[in-house]
Amino acid sequence: QARLVESGGGLVQAGDSLSLSCVASGFTFRQWNMGWYHQAPGKERDAVAWINANGNAEYADSVKGRFKISRNNSNNTLFLHIDNMKPEDTDTYSCVQIGRMQAQPTIWGQGTQVTVYL
C-alpha cells in the first residue's frame, strides 16, 4: 500500500529555517513526480511546490525564493526547506504524489504542523 509520512514540523521562530521530510513507501518513488501542499485552518489546501522524477522543481508564486523542494531517490525521501520563516507560514504541510507536474495529487500524507511565532 502506498504511503507518505511527513516529519519535521513543530514550533519555529520567525526568521529561522525549517526542513520537512517525507518518506515514501509502497510505490516506486523514483518514477513519480511529487509535491508539497499547505493548509491553514479553515482554508483549502494549496500547492507549494512540485518536483519531477528527475529533480526539476516548480514553485507556487507565493513561495518563490524562500521555499526549496528536493528529493533523494536512493532513500525514497522528499524534502521541503523553508528559509526566513514568517508567521503566515503557519500551516499543515502535506507531502503528495502526483502524476503530471502541478496535477491534482493521487496520494496524500497525513501532514505535519508548522507553527511560526514572533
PDB file of N, CA and C in Angstrom:
ATOM      1  N   GLN A   1       0.849  -1.192   0.000  1.00  0.00           N
ATOM      2  CA  GLN A   1       0.000   0.000   0.000  1.00  0.00           C
ATOM      3  C   GLN A   1       0.880   1.235   0.000  1.00  0.00           C
ATOM      4  N   ALA A   2       0.598   2.157  -0.912  1.00  0.00           N
ATOM      5  CA  ALA A   2       1.379   3.379  -0.985  1.00  0.00           C
ATOM      6  C   ALA A   2       1.139   4.242   0.243  1.00  0.00           C
ATOM      7  N   ARG A   3       2.217   4.833   0.730  1.00  0.00           N
ATOM      8  CA  ARG A   3       2.106   5.624   1.947  1.00  0.00           C
ATOM      9  C   ARG A   3       3.145   6.727   1.932  1.00  0.00           C
ATOM     10  N   LEU A   4       2.754   7.888   2.485  1.00  0.00           N
ATOM     11  CA  LEU A   4       3.640   9.026   2.624  1.00  0.00           C
ATOM     12  C   LEU A   4       3.596   9.483   4.077  1.00  0.00           C
ATOM     13  N   VAL A   5       4.752   9.620   4.703  1.00  0.00           N
ATOM     14  CA  VAL A   5       4.816  10.005   6.106  1.00  0.00           C
ATOM     15  C   VAL A   5       5.737  11.209   6.269  1.00  0.00           C
ATOM     16  N   GLU A   6       5.146  12.323   6.685  1.00  0.00           N
ATOM     17  CA  GLU A   6       5.914  13.552   6.864  1.00  0.00           C
ATOM     18  C   GLU A   6       6.472  13.651   8.281  1.00  0.00           C
ATOM     19  N   SER A   7       7.521  14.429   8.412  1.00  0.00           N
ATOM     20  CA  SER A   7       8.096  14.746   9.716  1.00  0.00           C
ATOM     21  C   SER A   7       8.836  16.075   9.618  1.00  0.00           C
ATOM     22  N   GLY A   8       9.172  16.616  10.779  1.00  0.00           N
ATOM     23  CA  GLY A   8       9.972  17.829  10.800  1.00  0.00           C
ATOM     24  C   GLY A   8       9.221  19.089  11.200  1.00  0.00           C
ATOM     25  N   GLY A   9       7.906  18.982  11.364  1.00  0.00           N
ATOM     26  CA  GLY A   9       7.141  20.154  11.774  1.00  0.00           C
ATOM     27  C   GLY A   9       7.350  20.474  13.240  1.00  0.00           C
ATOM     28  N   GLY A  10       6.783  21.586  13.671  1.00  0.00           N
ATOM     29  CA  GLY A  10       6.897  21.990  15.066  1.00  0.00           C
ATOM     30  C   GLY A  10       6.826  23.490  15.212  1.00  0.00           C
ATOM     31  N   LEU A  11       7.315  23.995  16.352  1.00  0.00           N
ATOM     32  CA  LEU A  11       7.349  25.430  16.634  1.00  0.00           C
ATOM     33  C   LEU A  11       8.645  26.024  16.113  1.00  0.00           C
ATOM     34  N   VAL A  12       8.531  27.093  15.366  1.00  0.00           N
ATOM     35  CA  VAL A  12       9.689  27.742  14.766  1.00  0.00           C
ATOM     36  C   VAL A  12       9.577  29.249  14.981  1.00  0.00           C
ATOM     37  N   GLN A  13      10.664  29.872  15.316  1.00  0.00           N
ATOM     38  CA  GLN A  13      10.664  31.316  15.480  1.00  0.00           C
ATOM     39  C   GLN A  13      10.780  31.990  14.126  1.00  0.00           C
ATOM     40  N   ALA A  14      10.070  33.090  13.974  1.00  0.00           N
ATOM     41  CA  ALA A  14      10.143  33.852  12.731  1.00  0.00           C
ATOM     42  C   ALA A  14      11.591  34.199  12.420  1.00  0.00           C
ATOM     43  N   GLY A  15      11.964  34.032  11.150  1.00  0.00           N
ATOM     44  CA  GLY A  15      13.328  34.297  10.729  1.00  0.00           C
ATOM     45  C   GLY A  15      14.199  33.063  10.658  1.00  0.00           C
ATOM     46  N   ASP A  16      13.816  32.009  11.357  1.00  0.00           N
ATOM     47  CA  ASP A  16      14.567  30.761  11.321  1.00  0.00           C
ATOM     48  C   ASP A  16      14.229  29.971  10.062  1.00  0.00           C
ATOM     49  N   SER A  17      14.970  28.894   9.852  1.00  0.00           N
ATOM     50  CA  SER A  17      14.734  27.983   8.737  1.00  0.00           C
ATOM     51  C   SER A  17      14.191  26.661   9.251  1.00  0.00           C
ATOM     52  N   LEU A  18      13.557  25.926   8.363  1.00  0.00           N
ATOM     53  CA  LEU A  18      12.955  24.648   8.731  1.00  0.00           C
ATOM     54  C   LEU A  18      13.026  23.708   7.549  1.00  0.00           C
ATOM     55  N   SER A  19      13.285  22.448   7.828  1.00  0.00           N
ATOM     56  CA  SER A  19      13.264  21.433   6.785  1.00  0.00           C
ATOM     57  C   SER A  19      12.265  20.350   7.150  1.00  0.00           C
ATOM     58  N   LEU A  20      11.391  20.049   6.213  1.00  0.00           N
ATOM     59  CA  LEU A  20      10.418  18.980   6.361  1.00  0.00           C
ATOM     60  C   LEU A  20      10.863  17.788   5.524  1.00  0.00           C
ATOM     61  N   SER A  21      10.532  16.602   5.992  1.00  0.00           N
ATOM     62  CA  SER A  21      10.854  15.381   5.257  1.00  0.00           C
ATOM     63  C   SER A  21       9.593  14.567   5.034  1.00  0.00           C
ATOM     64  N   CYS A  22       9.625  13.743   4.000  1.00  0.00           N
ATOM     65  CA  CYS A  22       8.507  12.854   3.703  1.00  0.00           C
ATOM     66  C   CYS A  22       9.086  11.551   3.170  1.00  0.00           C
ATOM     67  N   VAL A  23       8.827  10.475   3.880  1.00  0.00           N
ATOM     68  CA  VAL A  23       9.316   9.166   3.459  1.00  0.00           C
ATOM     69  C   VAL A  23       8.197   8.424   2.746  1.00  0.00           C
ATOM     70  N   ALA A  24       8.489   7.968   1.555  1.00  0.00           N
ATOM     71  CA  ALA A  24       7.517   7.258   0.731  1.00  0.00           C
ATOM     72  C   ALA A  24       7.744   5.756   0.801  1.00  0.00           C
ATOM     73  N   SER A  25       6.666   5.007   0.726  1.00  0.00           N
ATOM     74  CA  SER A  25       6.761   3.550   0.694  1.00  0.00           C
ATOM     75  C   SER A  25       5.590   3.000  -0.092  1.00  0.00           C
ATOM     76  N   GLY A  26       5.745   1.766  -0.572  1.00  0.00           N
ATOM     77  CA  GLY A  26       4.653   1.097  -1.261  1.00  0.00           C
ATOM     78  C   GLY A  26       4.535   1.420  -2.742  1.00  0.00           C
ATOM     79  N   PHE A  27       5.419   2.233  -3.273  1.00  0.00           N
ATOM     80  CA  PHE A  27       5.428   2.505  -4.707  1.00  0.00           C
ATOM     81  C   PHE A  27       6.859   2.877  -5.107  1.00  0.00           C
ATOM     82  N   THR A  28       7.118   2.895  -6.404  1.00  0.00           N
ATOM     83  CA  THR A  28       8.464   3.180  -6.906  1.00  0.00           C
ATOM     84  C   THR A  28       8.677   4.676  -6.932  1.00  0.00           C
ATOM     85  N   PHE A  29       9.183   5.186  -5.821  1.00  0.00           N
ATOM     86  CA  PHE A  29       9.296   6.635  -5.592  1.00  0.00           C
ATOM     87  C   PHE A  29      10.024   7.333  -6.733  1.00  0.00           C
ATOM     88  N   ARG A  30      11.092   6.791  -7.209  1.00  0.00           N
ATOM     89  CA  ARG A  30      11.932   7.494  -8.182  1.00  0.00           C
ATOM     90  C   ARG A  30      11.224   7.719  -9.516  1.00  0.00           C
ATOM     91  N   GLN A  31      10.129   7.010  -9.756  1.00  0.00           N
ATOM     92  CA  GLN A  31       9.412   7.135 -11.016  1.00  0.00           C
ATOM     93  C   GLN A  31       8.300   8.184 -10.968  1.00  0.00           C
ATOM     94  N   TRP A  32       8.038   8.718  -9.791  1.00  0.00           N
ATOM     95  CA  TRP A  32       6.884   9.589  -9.622  1.00  0.00           C
ATOM     96  C   TRP A  32       7.285  11.046  -9.396  1.00  0.00           C
ATOM     97  N   ASN A  33       6.471  11.935  -9.952  1.00  0.00           N
ATOM     98  CA  ASN A  33       6.534  13.333  -9.581  1.00  0.00           C
ATOM     99  C   ASN A  33       5.936  13.478  -8.178  1.00  0.00           C
ATOM    100  N   MET A  34       6.435  14.442  -7.432  1.00  0.00           N
ATOM    101  CA  MET A  34       5.988  14.627  -6.061  1.00  0.00           C
ATOM    102  C   MET A  34       5.755  16.107  -5.779  1.00  0.00           C
ATOM    103  N   GLY A  35       5.149  16.400  -4.638  1.00  0.00           N
ATOM    104  CA  GLY A  35       4.906  17.797  -4.310  1.00  0.00           C
ATOM    105  C   GLY A  35       4.599  18.007  -2.836  1.00  0.00           C
ATOM    106  N   TRP A  36       4.484  19.262  -2.475  1.00  0.00           N
ATOM    107  CA  TRP A  36       4.075  19.678  -1.136  1.00  0.00           C
ATOM    108  C   TRP A  36       2.883  20.619  -1.262  1.00  0.00           C
ATOM    109  N   TYR A  37       1.931  20.431  -0.338  1.00  0.00           N
ATOM    110  CA  TYR A  37       0.790  21.324  -0.189  1.00  0.00           C
ATOM    111  C   TYR A  37       0.798  21.879   1.226  1.00  0.00           C
ATOM    112  N   HIS A  38       0.116  23.005   1.415  1.00  0.00           N
ATOM    113  CA  HIS A  38      -0.094  23.506   2.764  1.00  0.00           C
ATOM    114  C   HIS A  38      -1.550  23.912   2.935  1.00  0.00           C
ATOM    115  N   GLN A  39      -1.974  23.893   4.205  1.00  0.00           N
ATOM    116  CA  GLN A  39      -3.353  24.228   4.518  1.00  0.00           C
ATOM    117  C   GLN A  39      -3.427  24.931   5.856  1.00  0.00           C
ATOM    118  N   ALA A  40      -4.003  26.111   5.847  1.00  0.00           N
ATOM    119  CA  ALA A  40      -4.260  26.833   7.091  1.00  0.00           C
ATOM    120  C   ALA A  40      -5.634  26.421   7.611  1.00  0.00           C
ATOM    121  N   PRO A  41      -5.861  26.554   8.907  1.00  0.00           N
ATOM    122  CA  PRO A  41      -7.155  26.182   9.472  1.00  0.00           C
ATOM    123  C   PRO A  41      -8.304  26.903   8.786  1.00  0.00           C
ATOM    124  N   GLY A  42      -9.296  26.158   8.376  1.00  0.00           N
ATOM    125  CA  GLY A  42     -10.465  26.754   7.747  1.00  0.00           C
ATOM    126  C   GLY A  42     -10.294  27.138   6.297  1.00  0.00           C
ATOM    127  N   LYS A  43      -9.130  26.825   5.728  1.00  0.00           N
ATOM    128  CA  LYS A  43      -8.870  27.182   4.337  1.00  0.00           C
ATOM    129  C   LYS A  43      -8.610  25.929   3.508  1.00  0.00           C
ATOM    130  N   GLU A  44      -8.666  26.097   2.201  1.00  0.00           N
ATOM    131  CA  GLU A  44      -8.389  24.981   1.304  1.00  0.00           C
ATOM    132  C   GLU A  44      -6.893  24.698   1.237  1.00  0.00           C
ATOM    133  N   ARG A  45      -6.565  23.495   0.859  1.00  0.00           N
ATOM    134  CA  ARG A  45      -5.166  23.140   0.668  1.00  0.00           C
ATOM    135  C   ARG A  45      -4.656  23.758  -0.634  1.00  0.00           C
ATOM    136  N   ASP A  46      -3.495  24.336  -0.573  1.00  0.00           N
ATOM    137  CA  ASP A  46      -2.874  24.971  -1.736  1.00  0.00           C
ATOM    138  C   ASP A  46      -1.524  24.324  -2.006  1.00  0.00           C
ATOM    139  N   ALA A  47      -1.204  24.233  -3.278  1.00  0.00           N
ATOM    140  CA  ALA A  47       0.092  23.680  -3.657  1.00  0.00           C
ATOM    141  C   ALA A  47       1.216  24.650  -3.317  1.00  0.00           C
ATOM    142  N   VAL A  48       2.326  24.090  -2.890  1.00  0.00           N
ATOM    143  CA  VAL A  48       3.512  24.882  -2.561  1.00  0.00           C
ATOM    144  C   VAL A  48       4.591  24.687  -3.617  1.00  0.00           C
ATOM    145  N   ALA A  49       4.892  23.437  -3.917  1.00  0.00           N
ATOM    146  CA  ALA A  49       5.988  23.145  -4.830  1.00  0.00           C
ATOM    147  C   ALA A  49       5.811  21.744  -5.400  1.00  0.00           C
ATOM    148  N   TRP A  50       6.426  21.539  -6.559  1.00  0.00           N
ATOM    149  CA  TRP A  50       6.394  20.240  -7.230  1.00  0.00           C
ATOM    150  C   TRP A  50       7.820  19.908  -7.692  1.00  0.00           C
ATOM    151  N   ILE A  51       8.073  18.631  -7.797  1.00  0.00           N
ATOM    152  CA  ILE A  51       9.380  18.203  -8.302  1.00  0.00           C
ATOM    153  C   ILE A  51       9.175  16.951  -9.141  1.00  0.00           C
ATOM    154  N   ASN A  52       9.788  16.922 -10.319  1.00  0.00           N
ATOM    155  CA  ASN A  52       9.596  15.742 -11.156  1.00  0.00           C
ATOM    156  C   ASN A  52      10.601  14.651 -10.782  1.00  0.00           C
ATOM    157  N   ALA A  53      10.472  13.536 -11.460  1.00  0.00           N
ATOM    158  CA  ALA A  53      11.300  12.375 -11.127  1.00  0.00           C
ATOM    159  C   ALA A  53      12.783  12.666 -11.312  1.00  0.00           C
ATOM    160  N   ASN A  54      13.096  13.626 -12.182  1.00  0.00           N
ATOM    161  CA  ASN A  54      14.498  13.967 -12.446  1.00  0.00           C
ATOM    162  C   ASN A  54      15.039  15.051 -11.535  1.00  0.00           C
ATOM    163  N   GLY A  55      14.181  15.584 -10.664  1.00  0.00           N
ATOM    164  CA  GLY A  55      14.640  16.598  -9.725  1.00  0.00           C
ATOM    165  C   GLY A  55      14.410  18.033 -10.150  1.00  0.00           C
ATOM    166  N   ASN A  56      13.686  18.250 -11.228  1.00  0.00           N
ATOM    167  CA  ASN A  56      13.373  19.609 -11.667  1.00  0.00           C
ATOM    168  C   ASN A  56      12.181  20.128 -10.878  1.00  0.00           C
ATOM    169  N   ALA A  57      12.328  21.331 -10.323  1.00  0.00           N
ATOM    170  CA  ALA A  57      11.334  21.855  -9.394  1.00  0.00           C
ATOM    171  C   ALA A  57      10.535  23.006  -9.980  1.00  0.00           C
ATOM    172  N   GLU A  58       9.309  23.144  -9.509  1.00  0.00           N
ATOM    173  CA  GLU A  58       8.448  24.274  -9.819  1.00  0.00           C
ATOM    174  C   GLU A  58       7.814  24.735  -8.510  1.00  0.00           C
ATOM    175  N   TYR A  59       7.509  26.034  -8.429  1.00  0.00           N
ATOM    176  CA  TYR A  59       7.004  26.598  -7.193  1.00  0.00           C
ATOM    177  C   TYR A  59       5.772  27.453  -7.438  1.00  0.00           C
ATOM    178  N   ALA A  60       4.907  27.483  -6.430  1.00  0.00           N
ATOM    179  CA  ALA A  60       3.808  28.432  -6.454  1.00  0.00           C
ATOM    180  C   ALA A  60       4.398  29.835  -6.341  1.00  0.00           C
ATOM    181  N   ASP A  61       3.775  30.794  -7.000  1.00  0.00           N
ATOM    182  CA  ASP A  61       4.307  32.160  -6.996  1.00  0.00           C
ATOM    183  C   ASP A  61       4.465  32.713  -5.582  1.00  0.00           C
ATOM    184  N   SER A  62       3.585  32.308  -4.684  1.00  0.00           N
ATOM    185  CA  SER A  62       3.581  32.871  -3.333  1.00  0.00           C
ATOM    186  C   SER A  62       4.788  32.442  -2.499  1.00  0.00           C
ATOM    187  N   VAL A  63       5.508  31.400  -2.914  1.00  0.00           N
ATOM    188  CA  VAL A  63       6.606  30.898  -2.092  1.00  0.00           C
ATOM    189  C   VAL A  63       7.957  30.972  -2.782  1.00  0.00           C
ATOM    190  N   LYS A  64       7.988  31.479  -4.005  1.00  0.00           N
ATOM    191  CA  LYS A  64       9.255  31.535  -4.720  1.00  0.00           C
ATOM    192  C   LYS A  64      10.281  32.354  -3.954  1.00  0.00           C
ATOM    193  N   GLY A  65      11.476  31.812  -3.850  1.00  0.00           N
ATOM    194  CA  GLY A  65      12.580  32.496  -3.200  1.00  0.00           C
ATOM    195  C   GLY A  65      12.889  31.997  -1.802  1.00  0.00           C
ATOM    196  N   ARG A  66      11.890  31.526  -1.057  1.00  0.00           N
ATOM    197  CA  ARG A  66      12.132  31.061   0.311  1.00  0.00           C
ATOM    198  C   ARG A  66      11.969  29.561   0.488  1.00  0.00           C
ATOM    199  N   PHE A  67      11.268  28.925  -0.437  1.00  0.00           N
ATOM    200  CA  PHE A  67      10.990  27.501  -0.321  1.00  0.00           C
ATOM    201  C   PHE A  67      11.841  26.742  -1.343  1.00  0.00           C
ATOM    202  N   LYS A  68      12.328  25.582  -0.920  1.00  0.00           N
ATOM    203  CA  LYS A  68      13.074  24.737  -1.833  1.00  0.00           C
ATOM    204  C   LYS A  68      12.646  23.294  -1.660  1.00  0.00           C
ATOM    205  N   ILE A  69      12.213  22.678  -2.739  1.00  0.00           N
ATOM    206  CA  ILE A  69      11.834  21.275  -2.725  1.00  0.00           C
ATOM    207  C   ILE A  69      12.971  20.458  -3.303  1.00  0.00           C
ATOM    208  N   SER A  70      13.199  19.300  -2.723  1.00  0.00           N
ATOM    209  CA  SER A  70      14.245  18.418  -3.230  1.00  0.00           C
ATOM    210  C   SER A  70      13.856  16.970  -2.911  1.00  0.00           C
ATOM    211  N   ARG A  71      14.614  16.048  -3.475  1.00  0.00           N
ATOM    212  CA  ARG A  71      14.304  14.641  -3.250  1.00  0.00           C
ATOM    213  C   ARG A  71      15.576  13.814  -3.246  1.00  0.00           C
ATOM    214  N   ASN A  72      15.509  12.696  -2.540  1.00  0.00           N
ATOM    215  CA  ASN A  72      16.587  11.723  -2.546  1.00  0.00           C
ATOM    216  C   ASN A  72      15.976  10.398  -2.954  1.00  0.00           C
ATOM    217  N   ASN A  73      16.165  10.028  -4.201  1.00  0.00           N
ATOM    218  CA  ASN A  73      15.540   8.818  -4.715  1.00  0.00           C
ATOM    219  C   ASN A  73      16.161   7.548  -4.137  1.00  0.00           C
ATOM    220  N   SER A  74      17.375   7.647  -3.613  1.00  0.00           N
ATOM    221  CA  SER A  74      18.019   6.462  -3.058  1.00  0.00           C
ATOM    222  C   SER A  74      17.396   6.025  -1.738  1.00  0.00           C
ATOM    223  N   ASN A  75      16.773   6.966  -1.014  1.00  0.00           N
ATOM    224  CA  ASN A  75      16.107   6.573   0.237  1.00  0.00           C
ATOM    225  C   ASN A  75      14.647   7.005   0.274  1.00  0.00           C
ATOM    226  N   ASN A  76      14.078   7.221  -0.920  1.00  0.00           N
ATOM    227  CA  ASN A  76      12.629   7.466  -1.046  1.00  0.00           C
ATOM    228  C   ASN A  76      12.135   8.619  -0.188  1.00  0.00           C
ATOM    229  N   THR A  77      12.884   9.701  -0.190  1.00  0.00           N
ATOM    230  CA  THR A  77      12.545  10.818   0.685  1.00  0.00           C
ATOM    231  C   THR A  77      12.403  12.114  -0.101  1.00  0.00           C
ATOM    232  N   LEU A  78      11.366  12.848   0.233  1.00  0.00           N
ATOM    233  CA  LEU A  78      11.086  14.168  -0.325  1.00  0.00           C
ATOM    234  C   LEU A  78      11.327  15.198   0.765  1.00  0.00           C
ATOM    235  N   PHE A  79      11.843  16.360   0.393  1.00  0.00           N
ATOM    236  CA  PHE A  79      12.168  17.404   1.358  1.00  0.00           C
ATOM    237  C   PHE A  79      11.530  18.728   0.960  1.00  0.00           C
ATOM    238  N   LEU A  80      11.281  19.549   1.979  1.00  0.00           N
ATOM    239  CA  LEU A  80      10.898  20.936   1.747  1.00  0.00           C
ATOM    240  C   LEU A  80      11.672  21.784   2.745  1.00  0.00           C
ATOM    241  N   HIS A  81      12.485  22.676   2.233  1.00  0.00           N
ATOM    242  CA  HIS A  81      13.274  23.565   3.094  1.00  0.00           C
ATOM    243  C   HIS A  81      12.697  24.973   2.974  1.00  0.00           C
ATOM    244  N   ILE A  82      12.474  25.596   4.103  1.00  0.00           N
ATOM    245  CA  ILE A  82      11.888  26.940   4.130  1.00  0.00           C
ATOM    246  C   ILE A  82      12.837  27.868   4.873  1.00  0.00           C
ATOM    247  N   ASP A  83      13.238  28.923   4.219  1.00  0.00           N
ATOM    248  CA  ASP A  83      14.089  29.943   4.835  1.00  0.00           C
ATOM    249  C   ASP A  83      13.250  31.118   5.324  1.00  0.00           C
ATOM    250  N   ASN A  84      13.812  31.847   6.299  1.00  0.00           N
ATOM    251  CA  ASN A  84      13.191  33.081   6.770  1.00  0.00           C
ATOM    252  C   ASN A  84      11.703  32.879   7.059  1.00  0.00           C
ATOM    253  N   MET A  85      11.430  31.959   7.971  1.00  0.00           N
ATOM    254  CA  MET A  85      10.051  31.625   8.290  1.00  0.00           C
ATOM    255  C   MET A  85       9.278  32.861   8.744  1.00  0.00           C
ATOM    256  N   LYS A  86       8.000  32.906   8.331  1.00  0.00           N
ATOM    257  CA  LYS A  86       7.106  34.006   8.690  1.00  0.00           C
ATOM    258  C   LYS A  86       5.867  33.449   9.367  1.00  0.00           C
ATOM    259  N   PRO A  87       5.220  34.243  10.200  1.00  0.00           N
ATOM    260  CA  PRO A  87       4.005  33.745  10.876  1.00  0.00           C
ATOM    261  C   PRO A  87       2.967  33.223   9.892  1.00  0.00           C
ATOM    262  N   GLU A  88       2.902  33.816   8.711  1.00  0.00           N
ATOM    263  CA  GLU A  88       1.912  33.352   7.726  1.00  0.00           C
ATOM    264  C   GLU A  88       2.267  32.000   7.117  1.00  0.00           C
ATOM    265  N   ASP A  89       3.447  31.471   7.426  1.00  0.00           N
ATOM    266  CA  ASP A  89       3.809  30.117   7.009  1.00  0.00           C
ATOM    267  C   ASP A  89       3.206  29.059   7.934  1.00  0.00           C
ATOM    268  N   THR A  90       2.558  29.499   8.991  1.00  0.00           N
ATOM    269  CA  THR A  90       1.907  28.565   9.912  1.00  0.00           C
ATOM    270  C   THR A  90       0.801  27.808   9.197  1.00  0.00           C
ATOM    271  N   ASP A  91       1.010  26.530   9.014  1.00  0.00           N
ATOM    272  CA  ASP A  91       0.096  25.692   8.241  1.00  0.00           C
ATOM    273  C   ASP A  91       0.379  24.229   8.551  1.00  0.00           C
ATOM    274  N   THR A  92      -0.481  23.363   8.041  1.00  0.00           N
ATOM    275  CA  THR A  92      -0.183  21.938   7.970  1.00  0.00           C
ATOM    276  C   THR A  92       0.371  21.666   6.578  1.00  0.00           C
ATOM    277  N   TYR A  93       1.542  21.050   6.543  1.00  0.00           N
ATOM    278  CA  TYR A  93       2.220  20.775   5.280  1.00  0.00           C
ATOM    279  C   TYR A  93       2.094  19.284   4.966  1.00  0.00           C
ATOM    280  N   SER A  94       1.650  18.992   3.754  1.00  0.00           N
ATOM    281  CA  SER A  94       1.435  17.605   3.338  1.00  0.00           C
ATOM    282  C   SER A  94       2.255  17.279   2.101  1.00  0.00           C
ATOM    283  N   CYS A  95       2.794  16.111   2.123  1.00  0.00           N
ATOM    284  CA  CYS A  95       3.532  15.560   1.004  1.00  0.00           C
ATOM    285  C   CYS A  95       2.545  14.836   0.091  1.00  0.00           C
ATOM    286  N   VAL A  96       2.726  14.965  -1.222  1.00  0.00           N
ATOM    287  CA  VAL A  96       1.799  14.327  -2.149  1.00  0.00           C
ATOM    288  C   VAL A  96       2.534  13.655  -3.288  1.00  0.00           C
ATOM    289  N   GLN A  97       1.892  12.631  -3.816  1.00  0.00           N
ATOM    290  CA  GLN A  97       2.322  12.009  -5.066  1.00  0.00           C
ATOM    291  C   GLN A  97       1.450  12.589  -6.169  1.00  0.00           C
ATOM    292  N   ILE A  98       2.054  12.934  -7.291  1.00  0.00           N
ATOM    293  CA  ILE A  98       1.279  13.488  -8.389  1.00  0.00           C
ATOM    294  C   ILE A  98       1.636  12.774  -9.691  1.00  0.00           C
ATOM    295  N   GLY A  99       0.732  12.869 -10.653  1.00  0.00           N
ATOM    296  CA  GLY A  99       1.005  12.322 -11.967  1.00  0.00           C
ATOM    297  C   GLY A  99       1.820  13.338 -12.753  1.00  0.00           C
ATOM    298  N   ARG A 100       1.119  14.171 -13.502  1.00  0.00           N
ATOM    299  CA  ARG A 100       1.805  15.256 -14.204  1.00  0.00           C
ATOM    300  C   ARG A 100       2.159  16.356 -13.204  1.00  0.00           C
ATOM    301  N   MET A 101       3.145  17.127 -13.558  1.00  0.00           N
ATOM    302  CA  MET A 101       3.521  18.258 -12.714  1.00  0.00           C
ATOM    303  C   MET A 101       2.327  19.195 -12.560  1.00  0.00           C
ATOM    304  N   GLN A 102       2.097  19.623 -11.335  1.00  0.00           N
ATOM    305  CA  GLN A 102       1.032  20.549 -10.962  1.00  0.00           C
ATOM    306  C   GLN A 102      -0.364  19.945 -11.114  1.00  0.00           C
ATOM    307  N   ALA A 103      -0.441  18.641 -11.338  1.00  0.00           N
ATOM    308  CA  ALA A 103      -1.736  17.981 -11.402  1.00  0.00           C
ATOM    309  C   ALA A 103      -2.266  17.724  -9.989  1.00  0.00           C
ATOM    310  N   GLN A 104      -3.523  17.354  -9.906  1.00  0.00           N
ATOM    311  CA  GLN A 104      -4.099  17.023  -8.606  1.00  0.00           C
ATOM    312  C   GLN A 104      -3.400  15.787  -8.034  1.00  0.00           C
ATOM    313  N   PRO A 105      -3.132  15.807  -6.738  1.00  0.00           N
ATOM    314  CA  PRO A 105      -2.433  14.672  -6.119  1.00  0.00           C
ATOM    315  C   PRO A 105      -3.222  13.370  -6.199  1.00  0.00           C
ATOM    316  N   THR A 106      -2.466  12.284  -6.246  1.00  0.00           N
ATOM    317  CA  THR A 106      -3.064  10.952  -6.240  1.00  0.00           C
ATOM    318  C   THR A 106      -2.978  10.315  -4.866  1.00  0.00           C
ATOM    319  N   ILE A 107      -1.956  10.687  -4.097  1.00  0.00           N
ATOM    320  CA  ILE A 107      -1.776  10.174  -2.737  1.00  0.00           C
ATOM    321  C   ILE A 107      -1.366  11.335  -1.834  1.00  0.00           C
ATOM    322  N   TRP A 108      -1.916  11.355  -0.616  1.00  0.00           N
ATOM    323  CA  TRP A 108      -1.603  12.401   0.355  1.00  0.00           C
ATOM    324  C   TRP A 108      -0.959  11.780   1.596  1.00  0.00           C
ATOM    325  N   GLY A 109      -0.024  12.500   2.178  1.00  0.00           N
ATOM    326  CA  GLY A 109       0.442  12.158   3.505  1.00  0.00           C
ATOM    327  C   GLY A 109      -0.516  12.730   4.545  1.00  0.00           C
ATOM    328  N   GLN A 110      -0.265  12.417   5.808  1.00  0.00           N
ATOM    329  CA  GLN A 110      -1.177  12.868   6.861  1.00  0.00           C
ATOM    330  C   GLN A 110      -0.910  14.306   7.269  1.00  0.00           C
ATOM    331  N   GLY A 111       0.241  14.827   6.882  1.00  0.00           N
ATOM    332  CA  GLY A 111       0.556  16.217   7.166  1.00  0.00           C
ATOM    333  C   GLY A 111       1.373  16.387   8.438  1.00  0.00           C
ATOM    334  N   THR A 112       2.122  17.476   8.474  1.00  0.00           N
ATOM    335  CA  THR A 112       2.879  17.852   9.660  1.00  0.00           C
ATOM    336  C   THR A 112       2.629  19.330   9.944  1.00  0.00           C
ATOM    337  N   GLN A 113       2.376  19.647  11.187  1.00  0.00           N
ATOM    338  CA  GLN A 113       2.000  21.014  11.563  1.00  0.00           C
ATOM    339  C   GLN A 113       3.240  21.863  11.786  1.00  0.00           C
ATOM    340  N   VAL A 114       3.229  23.035  11.200  1.00  0.00           N
ATOM    341  CA  VAL A 114       4.288  24.020  11.403  1.00  0.00           C
ATOM    342  C   VAL A 114       3.664  25.274  11.975  1.00  0.00           C
ATOM    343  N   THR A 115       4.206  25.753  13.088  1.00  0.00           N
ATOM    344  CA  THR A 115       3.721  26.970  13.723  1.00  0.00           C
ATOM    345  C   THR A 115       4.886  27.923  13.882  1.00  0.00           C
ATOM    346  N   VAL A 116       4.725  29.126  13.350  1.00  0.00           N
ATOM    347  CA  VAL A 116       5.779  30.128  13.397  1.00  0.00           C
ATOM    348  C   VAL A 116       5.364  31.232  14.362  1.00  0.00           C
ATOM    349  N   TYR A 117       6.241  31.533  15.331  1.00  0.00           N
ATOM    350  CA  TYR A 117       5.927  32.559  16.313  1.00  0.00           C
ATOM    351  C   TYR A 117       6.946  33.696  16.228  1.00  0.00           C
ATOM    352  N   LEU A 118       6.503  34.852  16.659  1.00  0.00           N
ATOM    353  CA  LEU A 118       7.378  36.039  16.619  1.00  0.00           C
ATOM    354  C   LEU A 118       8.332  36.064  17.804  1.00  0.00           C
TER     355      LEU A 118
END
